[in-house]
Structures are given as structure tokens and as C-alpha cells.
Protein backbone atom coordinates (compact mmCIF):
# COMPACT_ATOMS: atom_id res chain seq x y z
CA MET A 1 0.07 24.78 -13.36
CA ARG A 2 -3.60 24.26 -12.60
CA ASP A 3 -5.38 21.28 -14.15
CA ASN A 4 -9.10 22.00 -13.84
CA GLY A 5 -10.00 18.50 -15.04
CA PHE A 6 -7.92 16.96 -12.27
CA LEU A 7 -9.52 19.23 -9.66
CA LYS A 8 -12.98 18.26 -10.92
CA ARG A 9 -12.19 14.52 -10.77
CA PHE A 10 -10.70 14.91 -7.29
CA GLY A 11 -13.88 16.67 -6.16
CA GLU A 12 -16.11 14.05 -7.70
CA ASN A 13 -14.16 11.33 -5.91
CA LEU A 14 -14.40 13.22 -2.63
CA ARG A 15 -18.18 13.46 -3.09
CA ARG A 16 -18.40 9.75 -3.91
CA LEU A 17 -16.46 8.79 -0.79
CA ARG A 18 -18.49 11.17 1.38
CA GLU A 19 -21.76 9.73 0.11
CA LEU A 20 -20.50 6.15 0.59
CA LYS A 21 -19.85 7.05 4.22
CA GLY A 22 -23.35 8.52 4.51
CA LEU A 23 -22.10 12.00 5.41
CA SER A 24 -23.54 15.36 4.42
CA GLN A 25 -21.21 18.16 3.38
CA GLU A 26 -21.96 19.81 6.72
CA GLU A 27 -20.96 16.71 8.67
CA LEU A 28 -17.75 16.40 6.67
CA TYR A 29 -16.66 20.01 7.08
CA PHE A 30 -17.44 19.82 10.79
CA ARG A 31 -15.40 16.62 11.24
CA ALA A 32 -12.51 18.00 9.17
CA ASN A 33 -12.65 21.40 10.91
CA LEU A 34 -13.06 23.26 7.61
CA SER A 35 -15.01 26.38 6.72
CA LYS A 36 -18.65 26.04 5.79
CA ASN A 37 -18.31 26.34 2.01
CA GLN A 38 -14.93 24.69 1.59
CA VAL A 39 -16.15 21.11 1.05
CA GLY A 40 -18.63 22.20 -1.62
CA ASN A 41 -15.97 24.26 -3.40
CA ILE A 42 -13.60 21.30 -3.41
CA GLU A 43 -16.28 18.86 -4.57
CA ARG A 44 -17.13 21.17 -7.49
CA GLY A 45 -13.45 21.45 -8.45
CA GLU A 46 -13.47 25.20 -7.86
CA VAL A 47 -10.41 25.30 -5.60
CA ASN A 48 -6.99 23.71 -5.58
CA THR A 49 -6.95 22.33 -2.05
CA THR A 50 -3.84 21.99 0.08
CA ILE A 51 -2.32 18.70 1.12
CA SER A 52 -3.18 19.59 4.74
CA THR A 53 -6.84 19.97 3.82
CA ALA A 54 -6.78 16.72 1.83
CA TYR A 55 -5.31 14.98 4.86
CA ALA A 56 -8.00 16.45 7.14
CA LEU A 57 -10.67 15.25 4.72
CA SER A 58 -9.21 11.74 4.60
CA GLN A 59 -9.13 11.58 8.40
CA ALA A 60 -12.72 12.85 8.63
CA LEU A 61 -13.81 10.21 6.11
CA GLY A 62 -11.83 7.45 7.80
CA VAL A 63 -9.85 6.62 4.65
CA GLU A 64 -6.16 6.69 3.81
CA LEU A 65 -5.03 9.86 2.03
CA PRO A 66 -4.18 8.07 -1.26
CA GLU A 67 -7.82 6.94 -1.50
CA LEU A 68 -8.79 10.54 -2.29
CA PHE A 69 -6.59 10.36 -5.39
CA LYS A 70 -7.84 7.02 -6.74
CA PHE A 71 -9.91 8.09 -9.73
CA GLU A 72 -9.66 7.90 -13.47
């Protein structure tokens, strides 16, 4: 079951954390070894990312994985 609202909130939180770290989308996808458009698609809530990708993003941001899921 796909919850588009959840995906949107996850993406918004990812963007918030990325901006707090002072990273561009390009810097983040490079650090996380992701494809060029993947970060933008996730931030817009357009894709249901995998746990492996979420982990790569958390490592690239220097935060614990659960931090990506701390949103209301």
C-alpha cells in the first residue's frame, strides 16, 4: 500500500535535513552514490525509496537512519 502523504513528508524532511547540512541535491546524490535525479524525486515524494537508499542518504547526511523518519 502506497501512502503518498507519507512519501511527501519523508521527502520534505529529507530536504530539511539536507539544507540544514548546507548540501545541494547534487552534493547529496554524489555522497550517497545515487543517480542524478533520485534525490529530487525522493524529496518531491514521487518515489517510494528503498531502505538501502534511505540508509545511504542518512550516511551521506551524517545522521542516524531514524532521523529521516522523524516528521509529523
